[in-house]
Protein backbone atom coordinates (compact mmCIF):
# COMPACT_ATOMS: atom_id res chain seq x y z
CA MET A 1 0.00 0.00 0.00
CA GLN A 2 1.19 3.48 -0.80
CA ILE A 3 0.76 5.74 2.20
CA ARG A 4 -1.56 8.54 1.14
CA LYS A 5 -1.20 11.88 2.84
CA LYS A 6 -3.55 14.82 3.02
CA ARG A 7 -1.54 17.99 3.49
CA LEU A 8 -3.29 20.02 6.12
CA MET A 9 -2.57 23.41 7.56
CA LEU A 10 -1.81 22.66 11.19
CA PRO A 11 0.11 25.74 12.41
CA PHE A 12 -3.27 27.08 13.58
CA LEU A 13 -4.37 23.66 14.61
CA VAL A 14 -7.28 24.27 16.93
CA PRO A 15 -8.99 27.44 18.16
CA LEU A 16 -8.56 25.94 21.61
CA LEU A 17 -4.80 26.08 21.21
CA LEU A 18 -4.86 29.66 19.97
CA SER A 19 -6.60 30.79 23.11
CA ALA A 20 -4.30 28.88 25.44
CA CYS A 21 -2.63 30.87 28.17
CA SER A 22 1.05 31.56 27.67
CA THR A 23 1.82 31.02 31.33
CA ALA A 24 0.80 28.28 33.73
CA PRO A 25 -2.18 28.96 35.99
CA LYS A 26 -1.23 30.14 39.47
CA LYS A 27 -1.07 27.29 41.93
CA PRO A 28 -2.71 27.63 45.34
CA HIS A 29 -0.33 27.48 48.28
CA ASN A 30 -2.01 24.27 49.42
CA LEU A 31 -4.23 21.97 47.40
CA SER A 32 -7.42 20.93 49.20
CA GLN A 33 -7.46 17.22 49.80
CA GLY A 34 -9.64 15.49 47.22
CA ASP A 35 -10.04 18.66 45.14
CA TYR A 36 -8.80 18.09 41.59
CA SER A 37 -9.90 21.48 40.22
CA TYR A 38 -6.38 22.94 40.05
CA ALA A 39 -5.00 19.67 38.66
CA ARG A 40 -7.51 19.81 35.81
CA GLN A 41 -6.75 23.48 35.20
CA TYR A 42 -2.97 23.03 35.16
CA LEU A 43 -3.02 19.85 33.11
CA SER A 44 -5.33 21.48 30.56
CA TRP A 45 -2.82 24.29 30.18
CA LEU A 46 0.11 21.88 29.97
CA ILE A 47 -1.57 19.63 27.40
CA GLU A 48 -2.48 22.56 25.16
CA LYS A 49 1.06 23.94 25.39
CA GLU A 50 2.75 20.61 24.68
CA MET A 51 0.37 19.84 21.80
CA LYS A 52 1.18 23.14 20.16
CA ASP A 53 4.93 22.79 20.68
CA ALA A 54 5.02 19.22 19.30
CA ASN A 55 2.40 19.73 16.54
CA VAL A 56 0.09 17.07 17.99
CA PRO A 57 -3.56 17.39 16.82
CA ALA A 58 -5.24 15.53 19.70
CA VAL A 59 -4.60 14.29 23.22
CA SER A 60 -7.02 12.48 25.52
CA ILE A 61 -6.45 11.99 29.24
CA ALA A 62 -8.11 10.18 32.12
CA LEU A 63 -7.12 10.51 35.77
CA VAL A 64 -8.13 7.67 38.10
CA ASP A 65 -8.39 7.84 41.89
CA ASP A 66 -9.11 4.31 43.11
CA GLN A 67 -12.58 3.47 41.72
CA ARG A 68 -13.32 6.95 40.35
CA ILE A 69 -12.43 8.56 37.06
CA VAL A 70 -11.90 12.00 38.53
CA TRP A 71 -11.25 13.58 35.15
CA SER A 72 -11.61 12.53 31.56
CA ALA A 73 -11.12 14.95 28.68
CA GLY A 74 -10.03 15.35 25.08
CA PHE A 75 -8.05 18.22 23.59
CA GLY A 76 -7.76 19.26 19.98
CA TYR A 77 -9.12 17.47 16.97
CA ALA A 78 -9.33 13.71 16.49
CA ASP A 79 -9.75 14.62 12.82
CA VAL A 80 -8.63 18.06 11.76
CA ALA A 81 -10.27 18.14 8.34
CA GLY A 82 -13.60 17.01 9.73
CA LYS A 83 -13.35 19.30 12.80
CA LYS A 84 -13.97 16.25 14.99
CA GLN A 85 -13.20 17.09 18.62
CA ALA A 86 -11.25 14.61 20.73
CA SER A 87 -12.88 13.31 23.92
CA GLY A 88 -12.36 10.74 26.62
CA LYS A 89 -14.11 8.21 24.40
CA THR A 90 -11.98 8.84 21.29
CA LEU A 91 -10.20 5.67 20.19
CA TYR A 92 -6.46 5.52 19.52
CA ARG A 93 -4.06 2.73 18.68
CA ALA A 94 -2.48 2.21 22.10
CA GLY A 95 0.57 0.29 20.87
CA SER A 96 2.50 -1.65 23.47
CA ILE A 97 -0.02 -1.05 26.25
CA SER A 98 -1.44 -4.13 24.49
CA LYS A 99 1.23 -6.17 26.25
CA LEU A 100 -0.40 -5.56 29.66
CA PHE A 101 -3.54 -7.27 28.38
CA THR A 102 -1.70 -10.15 26.71
CA ALA A 103 0.20 -10.85 29.94
CA THR A 104 -2.98 -10.55 32.05
CA ALA A 105 -4.74 -13.05 29.80
CA ALA A 106 -1.81 -15.44 30.18
CA MET A 107 -2.00 -15.15 33.98
CA GLN A 108 -5.74 -15.90 33.88
CA LEU A 109 -4.84 -19.18 32.17
CA VAL A 110 -2.28 -19.83 34.92
CA GLU A 111 -5.01 -19.40 37.54
CA GLN A 112 -7.20 -21.84 35.63
CA GLY A 113 -4.40 -24.42 35.70
CA ASN A 114 -4.04 -24.32 31.91
CA MET A 115 -0.63 -22.64 31.68
CA ASP A 116 2.64 -22.70 33.60
CA ILE A 117 4.69 -19.62 32.76
CA ASP A 118 7.88 -21.42 33.80
CA ALA A 119 7.33 -24.35 31.44
CA PRO A 120 9.11 -24.33 28.05
CA LEU A 121 7.22 -22.33 25.45
CA THR A 122 7.14 -25.45 23.28
CA THR A 123 4.66 -26.91 25.79
CA TYR A 124 2.08 -24.56 24.30
CA LEU A 125 3.63 -23.89 20.88
CA PRO A 126 5.19 -27.24 19.87
CA ALA A 127 6.28 -25.84 16.50
CA PHE A 128 8.34 -23.04 18.07
CA SER A 129 12.10 -23.18 17.57
CA ILE A 130 14.91 -20.70 16.99
CA LYS A 131 18.65 -21.19 16.54
CA SER A 132 21.36 -20.17 19.00
CA ARG A 133 25.14 -19.76 18.95
CA PHE A 134 25.31 -19.83 22.74
CA GLU A 135 25.91 -22.68 25.14
CA SER A 136 22.83 -22.57 27.35
CA ASP A 137 20.43 -25.23 28.57
CA ILE A 138 17.78 -22.68 29.57
CA LYS A 139 14.59 -23.09 27.59
CA ILE A 140 12.54 -20.05 26.62
CA THR A 141 9.41 -19.81 28.79
CA PRO A 142 6.31 -17.57 28.87
CA ARG A 143 7.81 -15.77 31.89
CA HIS A 144 10.86 -14.91 29.79
CA LEU A 145 8.55 -13.49 27.12
CA MET A 146 6.58 -11.43 29.65
CA THR A 147 9.73 -9.86 31.11
CA HIS A 148 11.60 -9.44 27.80
CA HIS A 149 14.34 -11.81 28.92
CA ALA A 150 14.00 -14.53 26.28
CA GLY A 151 16.94 -13.19 24.26
CA LEU A 152 14.75 -12.97 21.16
CA PRO A 153 15.11 -10.40 18.38
CA ASN A 154 13.14 -7.21 18.86
CA SER A 155 10.78 -7.94 15.98
CA ARG A 156 10.54 -9.66 12.64
CA ASN A 157 10.52 -6.36 10.82
CA ALA A 158 9.55 -7.50 7.32
CA GLY A 159 5.78 -7.57 7.00
CA MET A 160 5.11 -5.96 10.37
CA TRP A 161 3.55 -2.73 9.06
CA VAL A 162 1.64 -3.47 5.85
CA ASP A 163 -1.88 -3.45 4.46
CA ASN A 164 -3.50 -6.84 5.00
CA PRO A 165 -0.57 -8.34 6.96
CA GLU A 166 -0.09 -12.07 7.24
CA PRO A 167 -1.38 -13.60 10.49
CA TYR A 168 1.03 -13.18 13.38
CA THR A 169 0.66 -16.92 13.96
CA ARG A 170 2.96 -17.47 10.96
CA LEU A 171 5.87 -16.03 12.95
CA VAL A 172 6.57 -19.46 14.44
CA GLU A 173 7.52 -20.87 11.05
CA GLN A 174 9.17 -17.65 9.83
CA ILE A 175 11.76 -17.51 12.64
CA ARG A 176 12.93 -21.13 12.60
CA ASP A 177 16.17 -20.22 10.83
CA GLU A 178 16.72 -17.03 12.81
CA TYR A 179 19.05 -16.74 15.83
CA VAL A 180 18.53 -15.50 19.36
CA ALA A 181 20.42 -12.34 20.27
CA LEU A 182 21.31 -13.66 23.75
CA PRO A 183 20.53 -16.71 25.87
CA PRO A 184 17.50 -16.35 28.17
CA ARG A 185 17.97 -14.40 31.42
CA GLN A 186 21.18 -12.68 30.28
CA ALA A 187 19.78 -9.16 29.81
CA PHE A 188 16.62 -7.19 29.13
CA LEU A 189 15.93 -7.25 25.37
CA TYR A 190 12.59 -5.66 24.53
CA SER A 191 10.79 -7.91 22.06
CA ASN A 192 7.55 -7.44 20.13
CA LEU A 193 8.25 -10.85 18.66
CA GLY A 194 8.18 -12.35 22.15
CA TYR A 195 4.75 -10.91 22.91
CA SER A 196 3.37 -12.08 19.59
CA LEU A 197 4.51 -15.58 20.51
CA LEU A 198 2.96 -15.19 23.97
CA GLY A 199 -0.34 -14.13 22.40
CA HIS A 200 -0.14 -17.13 20.08
CA ALA A 201 0.33 -19.39 23.11
CA VAL A 202 -2.60 -17.75 24.93
CA ALA A 203 -4.90 -18.26 21.94
CA THR A 204 -3.75 -21.87 21.48
CA VAL A 205 -4.38 -22.76 25.13
CA ALA A 206 -7.70 -20.88 25.18
CA GLY A 207 -8.80 -22.66 22.04
CA ARG A 208 -10.03 -19.56 20.22
CA GLU A 209 -8.69 -16.74 18.10
CA TYR A 210 -6.70 -14.16 20.07
CA ALA A 211 -8.89 -11.09 19.49
CA GLN A 212 -12.03 -13.07 20.32
CA HIS A 213 -10.47 -14.44 23.49
CA MET A 214 -9.41 -10.98 24.67
CA GLU A 215 -12.93 -9.70 24.05
CA GLN A 216 -14.48 -12.43 26.17
CA ALA A 217 -11.80 -12.79 28.85
CA LEU A 218 -11.09 -9.11 29.49
CA PHE A 219 -12.94 -6.45 27.50
CA GLN A 220 -16.48 -7.61 28.23
CA PRO A 221 -15.94 -8.32 31.95
CA LEU A 222 -14.18 -4.97 32.34
CA ASN A 223 -16.91 -3.05 30.48
CA MET A 224 -14.32 -1.95 27.92
CA HIS A 225 -16.99 -1.97 25.22
CA ASP A 226 -15.13 0.25 22.75
CA SER A 227 -11.81 -1.64 22.94
CA SER A 228 -10.70 -4.27 20.47
CA PHE A 229 -7.74 -6.00 18.88
CA GLN A 230 -9.87 -6.40 15.77
CA PRO A 231 -11.91 -3.19 15.56
CA SER A 232 -15.28 -3.15 13.83
CA THR A 233 -16.43 -0.55 11.32
CA GLU A 234 -18.27 1.17 14.17
CA HIS A 235 -15.10 1.29 16.25
CA MET A 236 -13.05 2.63 13.36
CA ALA A 237 -15.50 5.53 13.06
CA MET A 238 -14.50 6.47 16.64
CA MET A 239 -10.77 6.40 15.83
CA ALA A 240 -8.56 9.46 15.90
CA THR A 241 -6.82 10.03 12.59
CA GLY A 242 -3.04 9.64 12.81
CA TYR A 243 -0.68 12.47 11.80
CA ARG A 244 2.94 12.88 10.84
CA ASP A 245 4.58 16.25 10.17
CA GLY A 246 1.21 17.95 10.12
CA ALA A 247 -0.29 15.57 7.57
CA ALA A 248 -3.05 13.00 8.01
CA VAL A 249 -1.73 9.51 7.24
CA GLU A 250 -3.84 6.50 6.44
CA LEU A 251 -3.73 3.77 9.07
CA VAL A 252 -1.87 0.64 8.00
CA GLY A 253 -2.20 -2.87 9.32
CA LEU A 254 -0.08 -4.23 12.16
CA ARG A 255 0.78 -7.92 12.03
CA ASP A 256 1.96 -8.27 15.64
CA VAL A 257 -1.52 -8.02 17.14
CA PRO A 258 -0.80 -9.22 20.73
CA ALA A 259 2.20 -6.88 20.98
CA GLY A 260 0.63 -3.63 19.85
CA ALA A 261 -2.72 -3.64 18.04
CA LEU A 262 -5.03 -2.60 20.89
CA HIS A 263 -7.51 0.10 19.85
CA THR A 264 -8.95 1.79 22.93
CA SER A 265 -9.83 5.00 24.74
CA VAL A 266 -8.66 6.59 27.98
CA GLU A 267 -12.03 5.86 29.57
CA ASP A 268 -11.87 2.17 28.63
CA LEU A 269 -8.30 1.87 29.89
CA SER A 270 -9.48 3.46 33.14
CA GLN A 271 -11.61 0.36 33.67
CA PHE A 272 -8.47 -1.78 33.54
CA VAL A 273 -6.71 0.53 36.01
CA LYS A 274 -9.69 0.43 38.39
CA MET A 275 -9.57 -3.37 38.26
CA VAL A 276 -5.91 -3.31 39.30
CA PHE A 277 -6.75 -0.99 42.23
CA ALA A 278 -9.63 -3.30 43.25
CA ASN A 279 -7.28 -6.28 43.62
CA GLY A 280 -8.45 -7.81 40.37
CA ALA A 281 -12.20 -7.26 40.77
CA SER A 282 -14.51 -5.43 38.39
CA GLY A 283 -18.30 -5.23 38.21
CA GLY A 284 -18.75 -7.81 40.91
CA ARG A 285 -16.47 -10.31 39.15
CA GLN A 286 -12.94 -11.40 39.98
CA ILE A 287 -11.10 -10.83 36.70
CA ILE A 288 -7.79 -11.96 38.14
CA GLN A 289 -6.73 -12.93 41.65
CA ALA A 290 -5.10 -10.40 43.98
CA ASP A 291 -2.06 -12.66 44.47
CA THR A 292 -1.60 -12.84 40.71
CA LEU A 293 -1.62 -9.05 40.42
CA THR A 294 0.92 -8.85 43.23
CA GLU A 295 3.17 -11.19 41.26
CA MET A 296 2.74 -9.16 38.07
CA LEU A 297 3.74 -5.98 39.91
CA ALA A 298 6.77 -7.60 41.60
CA ARG A 299 10.27 -7.29 40.18
CA GLN A 300 11.26 -10.38 38.21
CA ASN A 301 14.84 -9.54 37.19
CA ALA A 302 16.71 -8.65 40.38
CA ASP A 303 19.27 -11.41 39.68
CA VAL A 304 20.11 -10.24 36.12
CA ALA A 305 23.38 -8.37 36.55
CA LEU A 306 23.32 -6.60 33.17
CA ASP A 307 19.93 -5.06 33.98
CA PHE A 308 21.42 -2.98 36.80
CA ASP A 309 18.52 -0.86 38.20
CA LEU A 310 16.02 -1.64 35.45
CA GLU A 311 13.00 -3.15 37.21
CA MET A 312 10.69 -5.41 35.24
CA GLY A 313 7.48 -7.06 36.39
CA LEU A 314 5.28 -9.36 34.36
CA ALA A 315 4.67 -6.90 31.49
CA TRP A 316 4.80 -3.89 33.85
CA PHE A 317 7.79 -1.54 33.94
CA LEU A 318 8.51 -0.79 37.58
CA GLU A 319 10.26 1.92 39.58
CA SER A 320 10.56 1.30 43.31
CA LYS A 321 11.49 4.96 43.77
CA SER A 322 10.15 6.97 40.86
CA LYS A 323 10.42 10.61 39.86
CA VAL A 324 6.92 11.00 41.26
CA GLY A 325 7.87 11.83 44.82
CA GLY A 326 9.98 8.71 45.19
CA GLU A 327 6.80 6.60 45.14
CA ARG A 328 6.52 3.08 43.74
CA LYS A 329 5.34 3.32 40.14
CA ALA A 330 4.24 0.84 37.47
CA SER A 331 3.70 1.77 33.85
CA HIS A 332 3.70 0.83 30.20
CA ALA A 333 4.06 3.13 27.22
CA GLY A 334 3.04 2.53 23.64
CA GLY A 335 4.40 3.84 20.38
CA THR A 336 3.31 3.02 16.83
CA LEU A 337 3.93 4.81 13.55
CA LEU A 338 1.34 7.51 14.28
CA TYR A 339 0.22 7.16 17.91
CA HIS A 340 1.82 7.42 21.34
CA SER A 341 0.41 6.40 24.71
CA GLN A 342 1.27 6.19 28.39
CA LEU A 343 -0.45 4.31 31.23
CA ALA A 344 1.07 4.83 34.68
CA ILE A 345 -0.06 4.02 38.21
CA LEU A 346 1.07 4.56 41.79
CA PRO A 347 -0.15 1.24 43.28
CA ASP A 348 0.36 2.23 46.90
CA HIS A 349 -1.92 5.26 46.49
CA LYS A 350 -4.32 3.80 43.91
CA LEU A 351 -3.70 6.68 41.54
CA GLY A 352 -3.44 6.27 37.78
CA VAL A 353 -3.30 8.23 34.55
CA ILE A 354 -3.76 7.36 30.89
CA VAL A 355 -2.66 9.71 28.10
CA LEU A 356 -3.20 8.96 24.39
CA SER A 357 -2.13 11.03 21.36
CA ASN A 358 -2.48 10.83 17.58
CA ALA A 359 0.82 12.05 16.15
CA ALA A 360 4.23 10.57 15.46
CA SER A 361 5.66 13.48 17.46
CA GLY A 362 3.64 12.74 20.58
CA ARG A 363 6.08 10.63 22.62
CA ALA A 364 7.42 13.37 24.87
CA VAL A 365 3.95 14.91 25.24
CA VAL A 366 2.27 11.83 26.74
CA ASP A 367 5.23 11.13 29.03
CA LYS A 368 5.45 14.69 30.37
CA VAL A 369 1.71 15.00 30.91
CA ALA A 370 1.47 11.62 32.66
CA ASP A 371 4.25 12.48 35.13
CA ALA A 372 2.74 15.88 35.87
CA ALA A 373 -0.70 14.33 36.40
CA LEU A 374 0.56 11.75 38.89
CA LYS A 375 2.50 14.36 40.86
CA LEU A 376 -0.57 16.56 41.18
CA ALA A 377 -2.83 13.62 42.03
CA LEU A 378 -0.40 12.56 44.76
CA GLU A 379 -0.43 16.06 46.23
CA VAL A 380 -4.24 16.21 46.10
CA THR A 381 -4.64 12.90 47.92
CA THR A 382 -1.80 13.15 50.47
CA GLY A 383 -1.58 16.90 51.02
CA ARG A 384 2.18 16.89 50.48
CA LYS A 385 4.17 18.18 47.56
CA PRO A 386 6.15 15.42 45.85
CA ALA A 387 9.87 16.04 46.18
CA ASP A 388 12.01 15.97 43.06
CA ASN A 389 14.32 13.02 43.70
CA ASN A 390 15.63 12.90 40.15
CA THR A 391 18.79 14.84 40.97
CA GLU A 392 21.81 13.91 43.02
CA GLU A 393 25.05 15.53 44.01
CA LEU A 394 27.86 14.60 41.63
CA PRO A 395 31.07 13.07 43.05
CA ALA A 396 33.99 15.47 43.30
CA LEU A 397 36.24 16.00 40.29
CA VAL A 398 39.68 14.36 40.32
CA ASP A 399 42.72 14.81 38.11
CA ALA A 400 42.43 11.53 36.21
CA MET A 401 40.69 8.17 36.13
CA GLU A 402 42.35 5.54 38.33
CA ASN A 403 42.03 1.77 38.83
CA LEU A 404 40.24 1.21 35.54
CA PRO A 405 38.91 -2.36 35.10
CA PHE A 406 39.99 -2.29 31.42
CA PRO A 407 41.50 0.23 28.94
CA LEU A 408 38.82 2.77 28.10
CA GLU A 409 40.04 3.58 24.59
CA GLY A 410 38.04 1.98 21.80
CA TYR A 411 34.56 1.59 20.41
CA TYR A 412 31.33 0.86 22.30
CA ALA A 413 27.89 -0.05 21.01
CA GLY A 414 24.62 0.58 22.80
CA ALA A 415 21.26 2.31 22.80
CA ALA A 416 22.93 5.69 22.20
CA GLY A 417 24.58 4.34 19.06
CA LEU A 418 28.27 3.92 18.39
CA ILE A 419 30.60 5.59 20.90
CA GLU A 420 34.33 6.13 20.30
CA VAL A 421 36.48 6.84 23.34
CA GLU A 422 39.97 8.32 22.86
CA ARG A 423 42.73 9.19 25.30
CA LYS A 424 45.05 12.19 25.15
CA ASP A 425 47.57 12.36 27.96
CA ARG A 426 45.46 11.39 31.00
CA GLN A 427 42.18 12.80 29.69
CA TYR A 428 39.42 10.98 27.79
CA THR A 429 37.04 12.22 25.13
CA ALA A 430 34.08 10.47 23.54
CA ARG A 431 32.43 10.86 20.18
CA ALA A 432 28.75 10.16 20.82
CA ILE A 433 25.27 11.43 19.88
CA GLY A 434 26.90 13.48 17.13
CA LYS A 435 29.08 15.45 19.54
CA ASN A 436 32.61 15.43 20.88
CA LEU A 437 32.34 15.09 24.63
CA SER A 438 34.94 15.57 27.32
CA LEU A 439 34.80 12.85 30.00
CA ARG A 440 35.65 14.53 33.30
CA ALA A 441 37.06 12.16 35.92
CA ARG A 442 35.26 12.02 39.27
CA LYS A 443 35.67 10.12 42.52
CA GLY A 444 34.53 6.53 42.72
CA GLY A 445 35.50 5.66 39.15
CA TRP A 446 32.82 7.88 37.62
CA MET A 447 33.04 10.23 34.66
CA SER A 448 30.69 13.08 33.67
CA PRO A 449 30.25 13.96 29.98
CA GLN A 450 30.61 17.61 29.02
CA TYR A 451 30.16 19.24 25.64
CA LYS A 452 32.58 22.00 24.70
CA LEU A 453 31.84 24.27 21.75
CA LEU A 454 34.83 24.22 19.42
CA GLY A 455 36.45 22.05 22.07
CA LEU A 456 36.89 25.09 24.30
CA ILE A 457 33.67 26.54 25.70
CA PRO A 458 31.68 24.29 28.10
CA LEU A 459 27.97 24.25 27.22
CA SER A 460 24.98 22.76 28.97
CA VAL A 461 23.36 20.19 26.70
CA SER A 462 19.89 18.86 27.41
CA GLY A 463 20.11 15.22 28.46
CA LEU A 464 23.76 15.37 29.53
CA ASP A 465 23.51 17.43 32.72
CA GLY A 466 23.71 15.29 35.84
CA LEU A 467 24.70 12.10 34.00
CA LEU A 468 27.50 9.87 35.23
CA ILE A 469 29.34 7.08 33.41
CA ARG A 470 31.64 4.36 34.72
CA PRO A 471 33.36 1.33 33.20
CA ALA A 472 32.62 -2.12 34.61
CA VAL A 473 33.11 -5.79 33.83
CA ILE A 474 29.83 -7.72 34.15
CA ASN A 475 29.63 -11.44 33.34
CA GLY A 476 32.92 -11.11 31.47
CA ARG A 477 31.63 -8.23 29.33
CA GLN A 478 33.34 -4.84 29.29
CA VAL A 479 30.58 -2.24 29.54
CA LEU A 480 29.87 1.39 30.29
CA VAL A 481 27.29 2.03 33.02
CA LEU A 482 25.08 5.12 32.95
CA ARG A 483 23.80 6.70 36.17
CA SER A 484 20.84 9.08 35.98
CA GLY A 485 18.50 10.22 38.72
CA GLY A 486 20.07 7.83 41.20
CA ARG A 487 19.56 4.75 39.00
CA GLU A 488 22.10 2.81 36.95
CA PHE A 489 21.57 1.35 33.49
CA LEU A 490 23.61 -0.41 30.83
CA LEU A 491 24.87 2.21 28.37
CA ALA A 492 27.08 0.28 25.93
CA GLU A 493 29.36 -2.71 25.48
CA LYS A 494 32.96 -2.46 24.29
CA ILE A 495 33.56 -3.90 20.83
CA SER A 496 36.46 -6.19 20.03
CA LYS A 497 37.51 -5.90 16.40
CA LYS A 498 37.52 -9.10 14.36
CA ALA A 499 38.86 -10.08 10.97
CA ILE A 500 36.30 -9.37 8.26
CA PRO A 501 35.42 -12.46 6.19
CA GLU A 502 35.91 -12.11 2.44
CA LYS A 503 32.29 -13.04 1.75
CA ILE A 504 31.11 -10.12 3.86
CA HIS A 505 33.81 -7.78 2.58
CA ASN A 506 32.51 -8.32 -0.95
CA TRP A 507 29.24 -6.68 0.04
CA LEU A 508 30.72 -3.27 0.90
CA GLY A 509 28.92 -0.43 -0.84
CA ARG A 510 25.36 0.78 -1.36
CA LEU A 511 22.54 -1.68 -0.75
CA ARG A 512 18.76 -1.79 -0.98
CA ILE A 513 15.90 -3.92 0.33
CA ARG A 514 14.14 -5.79 -2.43
CA ASN A 515 11.07 -6.70 -0.34
CA PRO A 516 10.43 -3.38 1.48
CA ASP A 517 7.41 -2.40 3.55
CA SER A 518 6.03 0.84 2.12
CA ALA A 519 4.80 2.02 5.51
CA MET A 520 8.28 1.84 7.07
CA PRO A 521 10.88 2.38 4.33
CA ILE A 522 14.57 1.89 5.05
CA GLU A 523 16.67 4.04 2.75
CA ASP A 524 20.26 4.93 1.84
CA ILE A 525 21.74 1.68 3.14
CA GLU A 526 25.53 1.50 2.95
CA LEU A 527 28.00 -1.08 4.21
CA ALA A 528 31.55 0.16 4.85
CA VAL A 529 34.69 -0.54 6.84
CA GLU A 530 35.94 2.16 9.19
CA ASP A 531 38.96 1.71 11.43
CA GLY A 532 38.67 -2.06 11.08
CA LEU A 533 34.96 -2.21 11.94
CA ILE A 534 32.09 -3.11 9.63
CA ILE A 535 29.72 -0.16 9.70
CA VAL A 536 26.17 -0.06 8.35
CA ARG A 537 24.43 3.26 7.74
CA TYR A 538 20.80 3.81 6.81
CA ARG A 539 17.85 6.12 7.28
CA MET A 540 14.29 5.44 8.48
CA PRO A 541 12.46 8.64 7.48
CA VAL A 542 9.27 7.53 9.25
CA PHE A 543 11.08 8.05 12.57
CA ALA A 544 13.79 10.63 11.81
CA ASP A 545 15.80 12.10 8.97
CA GLN A 546 19.07 11.51 10.78
CA GLN A 547 21.35 8.77 9.56
CA ILE A 548 21.57 5.70 11.79
CA LYS A 549 25.01 4.15 12.23
CA MET A 550 25.76 0.75 13.78
CA ALA A 551 28.69 -1.63 13.97
CA LEU A 552 28.45 -5.23 12.75
CA LEU A 553 30.61 -8.02 14.18
CA PRO A 554 31.45 -11.18 12.21
CA VAL A 555 30.30 -14.43 13.82
CA ALA A 556 30.86 -16.71 10.81
CA ASP A 557 32.18 -16.53 7.24
CA ASP A 558 28.70 -15.61 6.07
CA ALA A 559 27.10 -13.91 9.07
CA VAL A 560 27.41 -10.78 11.21
CA VAL A 561 25.53 -9.54 14.28
CA ILE A 562 24.62 -6.01 15.32
CA ALA A 563 27.11 -5.03 18.03
CA GLY A 564 25.97 -4.21 21.57
CA ILE A 565 23.44 -5.36 24.16
CA GLY A 566 19.96 -3.92 23.99
CA ARG A 567 16.89 -3.57 21.85
CA GLY A 568 17.64 -4.70 18.30
CA MET A 569 21.27 -5.56 19.15
CA GLY A 570 22.85 -8.98 18.88
CA GLU A 571 20.58 -9.73 15.93
CA THR A 572 21.92 -11.62 12.93
CA MET A 573 22.40 -10.73 9.26
CA ARG A 574 23.21 -13.73 7.06
CA LEU A 575 24.48 -14.15 3.50
CA LEU A 576 22.21 -16.55 1.60
CA GLN A 577 21.66 -17.72 -1.93
CA ARG A 578 18.42 -18.54 -3.73
CA ASP A 579 17.94 -19.42 -7.39
CA GLY A 580 21.55 -18.54 -8.07
CA GLU A 581 21.27 -15.04 -6.54
CA GLN A 582 22.96 -13.96 -3.33
CA PHE A 583 21.38 -11.65 -0.79
CA LEU A 584 21.76 -10.59 2.83
CA LEU A 585 18.86 -11.61 5.07
CA TYR A 586 18.01 -9.52 8.13
CA SER A 587 14.75 -9.74 10.08
CA GLY A 588 12.95 -11.04 7.00
CA TYR A 589 14.31 -8.30 4.71
CA GLU A 590 16.24 -9.44 1.64
CA ILE A 591 19.08 -6.97 1.02
CA VAL A 592 20.79 -6.78 -2.38
CA ARG A 593 23.28 -4.48 -4.07
CA ALA A 594 21.77 -1.14 -4.99
CA THR A 595 22.64 -1.69 -8.66
CA ALA A 596 20.79 -5.02 -8.78
CA GLN A 597 17.42 -5.08 -10.54
């Protein structure tokens, strides 16, 4: 399908936005307990401001206090051309919030005695298999899928975003010749593929099609009457149009239904949140047992060294001490090609918020609004102002790094891309995020990155202030650890250069995908060698115009893996031949030379 765009004039998006106040409403000295009037006023101002700044046509929000929806509202237009106002009932594609429902359905089957989440996945999907280069006897289980610790690739990208996608149930046969990125339980690797397999297992055990099972097991009992994984014509009429760069974009199909195809509203999702606060009960029915919910909201990965302070429940992302006043928080975000969402709760206070938006640029909007909403709700219910615990005093500066666990110089690969660390005299610099950064040595083996204009003038750069980095050896891997807001995370792994096989070397140059998905094009692919490393560059204009650069490490004469540990890393690209023609295979994409016809 060719994506068809209607160019719309969005600078003057909504009269509502034009009349928005330029400054935040004045906050009372003390908020009256149980009075959400200021919270609604402030959040309305914030939403309008953030929508305008990020060019987001519509945002819907619901604020939940135990068993009450204390506020539900829509801002802007669900459809700009049709002047259709957003509301609390407007439907959006909620993306990965879907995973909360898939995991909940799996745990219902556990309660019924029909599933054991610690049994091998093949117990429920006998046809499942995937190759591995690692020595590990650990079998992939549903628990591994729920916590993103199965070591699976992030997704099978080919065919994921297309009109009339193939059934997600075909993934089992499509990945048989693929490789895991890591053995199970080695590190957190977010995986849409894993949740599609979990949904397949749920449907198989339940004995009915996934969308139908979710309707009967969760949506109907929760009175989520407008929610669906397979929306009807009536539901689609309630959908907010998706936008990118100010243009309306036609919705395309999503193959990985259990991982991200939930269509829902903030008011429907509030029913799910209320069920969680009621210890699994809703409408006089026990949807799921209280002990099961406790397990889902308990950290599952405390023994995974490479996860550091990342806390993962069963589907839920956890923070034992969050930015919201240091309170325990559980959440899940969602992001698709045109929609962004956030669902977050403070379980100990039974406070929750859902924010949904209809633009590719809406990620920061839903996150910022959700955090602000929870902080205000906490103040309204407790009478105390949440302290900002996201800052900490930096260790004192020292002359130079001492007692390093390994030489810092070299290349690192991680979520921030490729990082090159160099040493001059006793000082280190890093080339990262498109900038040359000075690494200032601090006590305790820490470093703080600093950007200097022209290498001379220190400048504050958003995202760098307050960050700390240290080298460490974890499970035999040389890594850089990032500390932010008092929590530590894996930043990148050091790369060891390897000889480049001739078969791979022959593929240097410009490449193209011969079976592309029109909804998510990958352009300007180039394979090169730089400083002894295989480097791949490409662009994904759907997400950003910037060039993406990654290192590839040889693992065989005809195979390389994406360097690093993290989402999409460790995945394999293989050289294959079919009908006398060679091609590189990655995540279902067949990659050929750009000159090939």
